[in-house]
């Protein structure tokens, strides 16, 4: 299982609706609107890195109002 944080920038005023829509996507375990340089932080999980990439590109980035994403896979050192 691969887990990651996905940091999202949105259009002005869209953070709450983006977080709400993303929280309904399968593989997303948490989606919160926040303050700071990013507007939404998502925690997601997938079976492998390829599935994680598909989740981000095909589903999360397709949500209207998103302008940029940064995916940060969790590592256990």
N, C-alpha and C. Protein backbone atom coordinates (compact mmCIF):
# COMPACT_ATOMS: atom_id res chain seq x y z
N UNK A 1 0.84 -1.18 0.00
CA UNK A 1 0.00 0.00 0.00
C UNK A 1 0.89 1.24 0.00
N UNK A 2 0.58 2.18 -0.90
CA UNK A 2 1.29 3.46 -1.00
C UNK A 2 0.35 4.54 -0.49
N UNK A 3 0.87 5.38 0.39
CA UNK A 3 0.09 6.51 0.90
C UNK A 3 0.80 7.80 0.53
N UNK A 4 0.03 8.87 0.39
CA UNK A 4 0.62 10.15 0.02
C UNK A 4 -0.24 11.30 0.52
N UNK A 5 0.43 12.43 0.70
CA UNK A 5 -0.27 13.70 0.89
C UNK A 5 -0.27 14.41 -0.45
N UNK A 6 -1.38 14.99 -0.80
CA UNK A 6 -1.48 15.75 -2.05
C UNK A 6 -1.84 17.17 -1.66
N UNK A 7 -0.94 18.09 -1.97
CA UNK A 7 -1.12 19.50 -1.64
C UNK A 7 -1.73 20.17 -2.86
N UNK A 8 -2.81 20.90 -2.66
CA UNK A 8 -3.58 21.43 -3.78
C UNK A 8 -3.76 22.94 -3.66
N UNK A 9 -3.53 23.62 -4.76
CA UNK A 9 -3.88 25.03 -4.88
C UNK A 9 -5.14 25.12 -5.73
N UNK A 10 -6.03 26.02 -5.33
CA UNK A 10 -7.31 26.16 -6.03
C UNK A 10 -7.52 27.60 -6.49
N UNK A 11 -8.53 27.77 -7.31
CA UNK A 11 -8.97 29.11 -7.66
C UNK A 11 -9.52 29.77 -6.38
N UNK A 12 -9.50 31.08 -6.34
CA UNK A 12 -9.98 31.82 -5.17
C UNK A 12 -11.43 31.44 -4.87
N UNK A 13 -11.69 31.11 -3.60
CA UNK A 13 -13.04 30.78 -3.17
C UNK A 13 -13.50 29.37 -3.45
N UNK A 14 -12.62 28.51 -3.97
CA UNK A 14 -13.02 27.16 -4.35
C UNK A 14 -12.54 26.07 -3.39
N UNK A 15 -11.77 26.41 -2.36
CA UNK A 15 -11.16 25.39 -1.50
C UNK A 15 -12.18 24.46 -0.87
N UNK A 16 -13.23 25.00 -0.29
CA UNK A 16 -14.22 24.17 0.39
C UNK A 16 -14.92 23.21 -0.57
N UNK A 17 -15.31 23.69 -1.75
CA UNK A 17 -16.00 22.81 -2.69
C UNK A 17 -15.05 21.77 -3.27
N UNK A 18 -13.78 22.13 -3.49
CA UNK A 18 -12.80 21.17 -3.98
C UNK A 18 -12.58 20.08 -2.94
N UNK A 19 -12.39 20.46 -1.68
CA UNK A 19 -12.18 19.47 -0.61
C UNK A 19 -13.37 18.54 -0.48
N UNK A 20 -14.56 19.09 -0.57
CA UNK A 20 -15.77 18.28 -0.45
C UNK A 20 -15.87 17.27 -1.60
N UNK A 21 -15.63 17.72 -2.81
CA UNK A 21 -15.73 16.82 -3.96
C UNK A 21 -14.65 15.74 -3.92
N UNK A 22 -13.43 16.12 -3.55
CA UNK A 22 -12.33 15.15 -3.50
C UNK A 22 -12.56 14.11 -2.42
N UNK A 23 -13.17 14.50 -1.30
CA UNK A 23 -13.37 13.55 -0.21
C UNK A 23 -14.25 12.37 -0.62
N UNK A 24 -15.03 12.52 -1.69
CA UNK A 24 -15.90 11.43 -2.16
C UNK A 24 -15.19 10.47 -3.12
N UNK A 25 -13.96 10.77 -3.50
CA UNK A 25 -13.22 9.92 -4.45
C UNK A 25 -12.66 8.70 -3.73
N UNK A 26 -12.83 7.54 -4.32
CA UNK A 26 -12.30 6.30 -3.76
C UNK A 26 -10.78 6.37 -3.71
N UNK A 27 -10.20 6.03 -2.57
CA UNK A 27 -8.76 6.10 -2.37
C UNK A 27 -8.35 7.32 -1.55
N UNK A 28 -9.24 8.29 -1.46
CA UNK A 28 -8.98 9.47 -0.63
C UNK A 28 -9.46 9.16 0.78
N UNK A 29 -8.55 9.26 1.75
CA UNK A 29 -8.91 8.97 3.13
C UNK A 29 -9.24 10.23 3.92
N UNK A 30 -8.75 11.38 3.45
CA UNK A 30 -9.02 12.64 4.13
C UNK A 30 -8.79 13.80 3.17
N UNK A 31 -9.62 14.82 3.23
CA UNK A 31 -9.45 16.03 2.43
C UNK A 31 -9.89 17.21 3.27
N UNK A 32 -8.99 18.14 3.51
CA UNK A 32 -9.27 19.29 4.37
C UNK A 32 -8.88 20.57 3.67
N UNK A 33 -9.70 21.61 3.79
CA UNK A 33 -9.28 22.92 3.31
C UNK A 33 -8.48 23.58 4.43
N UNK A 34 -7.38 24.23 4.06
CA UNK A 34 -6.43 24.79 5.01
C UNK A 34 -6.04 26.21 4.58
N UNK A 35 -5.29 26.89 5.43
CA UNK A 35 -4.73 28.19 5.07
C UNK A 35 -3.25 28.03 4.80
N UNK A 36 -2.67 28.99 4.10
CA UNK A 36 -1.25 28.94 3.77
C UNK A 36 -1.06 28.88 2.27
N UNK A 37 0.12 28.42 1.83
CA UNK A 37 0.40 28.40 0.40
C UNK A 37 -0.45 27.40 -0.38
N UNK A 38 -1.02 26.42 0.31
CA UNK A 38 -1.92 25.46 -0.33
C UNK A 38 -3.30 25.64 0.26
N UNK A 39 -4.31 25.30 -0.51
CA UNK A 39 -5.70 25.51 -0.10
C UNK A 39 -6.38 24.25 0.41
N UNK A 40 -5.93 23.10 -0.07
CA UNK A 40 -6.50 21.81 0.33
C UNK A 40 -5.35 20.83 0.51
N UNK A 41 -5.41 20.03 1.58
CA UNK A 41 -4.46 18.94 1.76
C UNK A 41 -5.26 17.64 1.81
N UNK A 42 -4.82 16.69 1.00
CA UNK A 42 -5.51 15.40 0.86
C UNK A 42 -4.56 14.29 1.29
N UNK A 43 -5.10 13.31 1.98
CA UNK A 43 -4.34 12.08 2.25
C UNK A 43 -5.02 10.99 1.44
N UNK A 44 -4.21 10.25 0.68
CA UNK A 44 -4.77 9.23 -0.21
C UNK A 44 -3.93 7.96 -0.12
N UNK A 45 -4.51 6.86 -0.55
CA UNK A 45 -3.79 5.60 -0.59
C UNK A 45 -4.18 4.82 -1.84
N UNK A 46 -3.22 4.01 -2.29
CA UNK A 46 -3.43 3.17 -3.48
C UNK A 46 -2.58 1.91 -3.33
N UNK A 47 -2.85 0.94 -4.18
CA UNK A 47 -2.11 -0.33 -4.10
C UNK A 47 -0.64 -0.17 -4.45
N UNK A 48 -0.33 0.73 -5.40
CA UNK A 48 1.06 0.93 -5.82
C UNK A 48 1.21 2.35 -6.38
N UNK A 49 2.42 2.70 -6.75
CA UNK A 49 2.70 4.05 -7.24
C UNK A 49 1.94 4.36 -8.53
N UNK A 50 1.83 3.37 -9.41
CA UNK A 50 1.08 3.59 -10.65
C UNK A 50 -0.38 3.93 -10.37
N UNK A 51 -1.00 3.19 -9.46
CA UNK A 51 -2.39 3.45 -9.10
C UNK A 51 -2.53 4.81 -8.43
N UNK A 52 -1.55 5.19 -7.63
CA UNK A 52 -1.56 6.51 -7.01
C UNK A 52 -1.51 7.60 -8.09
N UNK A 53 -0.65 7.42 -9.06
CA UNK A 53 -0.55 8.38 -10.16
C UNK A 53 -1.85 8.51 -10.92
N UNK A 54 -2.49 7.38 -11.19
CA UNK A 54 -3.79 7.41 -11.88
C UNK A 54 -4.85 8.13 -11.05
N UNK A 55 -4.83 7.89 -9.74
CA UNK A 55 -5.77 8.56 -8.85
C UNK A 55 -5.60 10.08 -8.92
N UNK A 56 -4.35 10.53 -8.87
CA UNK A 56 -4.09 11.97 -8.89
C UNK A 56 -4.42 12.57 -10.24
N UNK A 57 -3.90 11.99 -11.32
CA UNK A 57 -4.06 12.59 -12.64
C UNK A 57 -5.48 12.45 -13.19
N UNK A 58 -6.05 11.27 -13.08
CA UNK A 58 -7.34 11.03 -13.72
C UNK A 58 -8.53 11.48 -12.88
N UNK A 59 -8.39 11.48 -11.56
CA UNK A 59 -9.56 11.79 -10.73
C UNK A 59 -9.42 13.10 -9.96
N UNK A 60 -8.34 13.25 -9.22
CA UNK A 60 -8.20 14.45 -8.38
C UNK A 60 -7.98 15.68 -9.25
N UNK A 61 -7.06 15.63 -10.21
CA UNK A 61 -6.81 16.80 -11.04
C UNK A 61 -7.98 17.16 -11.94
N UNK A 62 -8.93 16.26 -12.09
CA UNK A 62 -10.11 16.53 -12.92
C UNK A 62 -11.16 17.36 -12.18
N UNK A 63 -10.98 17.55 -10.88
CA UNK A 63 -11.95 18.33 -10.11
C UNK A 63 -11.84 19.80 -10.50
N UNK A 64 -12.98 20.40 -10.81
CA UNK A 64 -13.01 21.79 -11.24
C UNK A 64 -12.59 22.72 -10.10
N UNK A 65 -11.73 23.67 -10.42
CA UNK A 65 -11.28 24.65 -9.44
C UNK A 65 -9.84 24.44 -9.00
N UNK A 66 -9.25 23.29 -9.35
CA UNK A 66 -7.86 23.02 -8.99
C UNK A 66 -6.93 23.68 -10.00
N UNK A 67 -5.91 24.37 -9.50
CA UNK A 67 -4.94 24.99 -10.40
C UNK A 67 -3.58 24.28 -10.38
N UNK A 68 -3.26 23.60 -9.26
CA UNK A 68 -1.96 22.93 -9.17
C UNK A 68 -1.99 21.88 -8.05
N UNK A 69 -1.28 20.78 -8.26
CA UNK A 69 -1.14 19.75 -7.22
C UNK A 69 0.33 19.42 -7.01
N UNK A 70 0.64 18.98 -5.81
CA UNK A 70 1.97 18.49 -5.47
C UNK A 70 1.77 17.22 -4.66
N UNK A 71 2.22 16.08 -5.19
CA UNK A 71 2.04 14.79 -4.53
C UNK A 71 3.29 14.43 -3.75
N UNK A 72 3.10 14.11 -2.46
CA UNK A 72 4.19 13.79 -1.55
C UNK A 72 3.98 12.38 -1.00
N UNK A 73 4.57 11.35 -1.62
CA UNK A 73 4.42 10.00 -1.10
C UNK A 73 5.02 9.88 0.30
N UNK A 74 4.38 9.10 1.14
CA UNK A 74 4.87 8.87 2.50
C UNK A 74 5.93 7.78 2.46
N UNK A 75 7.06 8.02 3.11
CA UNK A 75 8.12 7.03 3.18
C UNK A 75 8.32 6.64 4.65
N UNK A 76 8.74 5.42 4.87
CA UNK A 76 9.02 4.93 6.22
C UNK A 76 10.50 4.63 6.30
N UNK A 77 11.26 5.52 6.92
CA UNK A 77 12.72 5.38 6.97
C UNK A 77 13.11 4.78 8.30
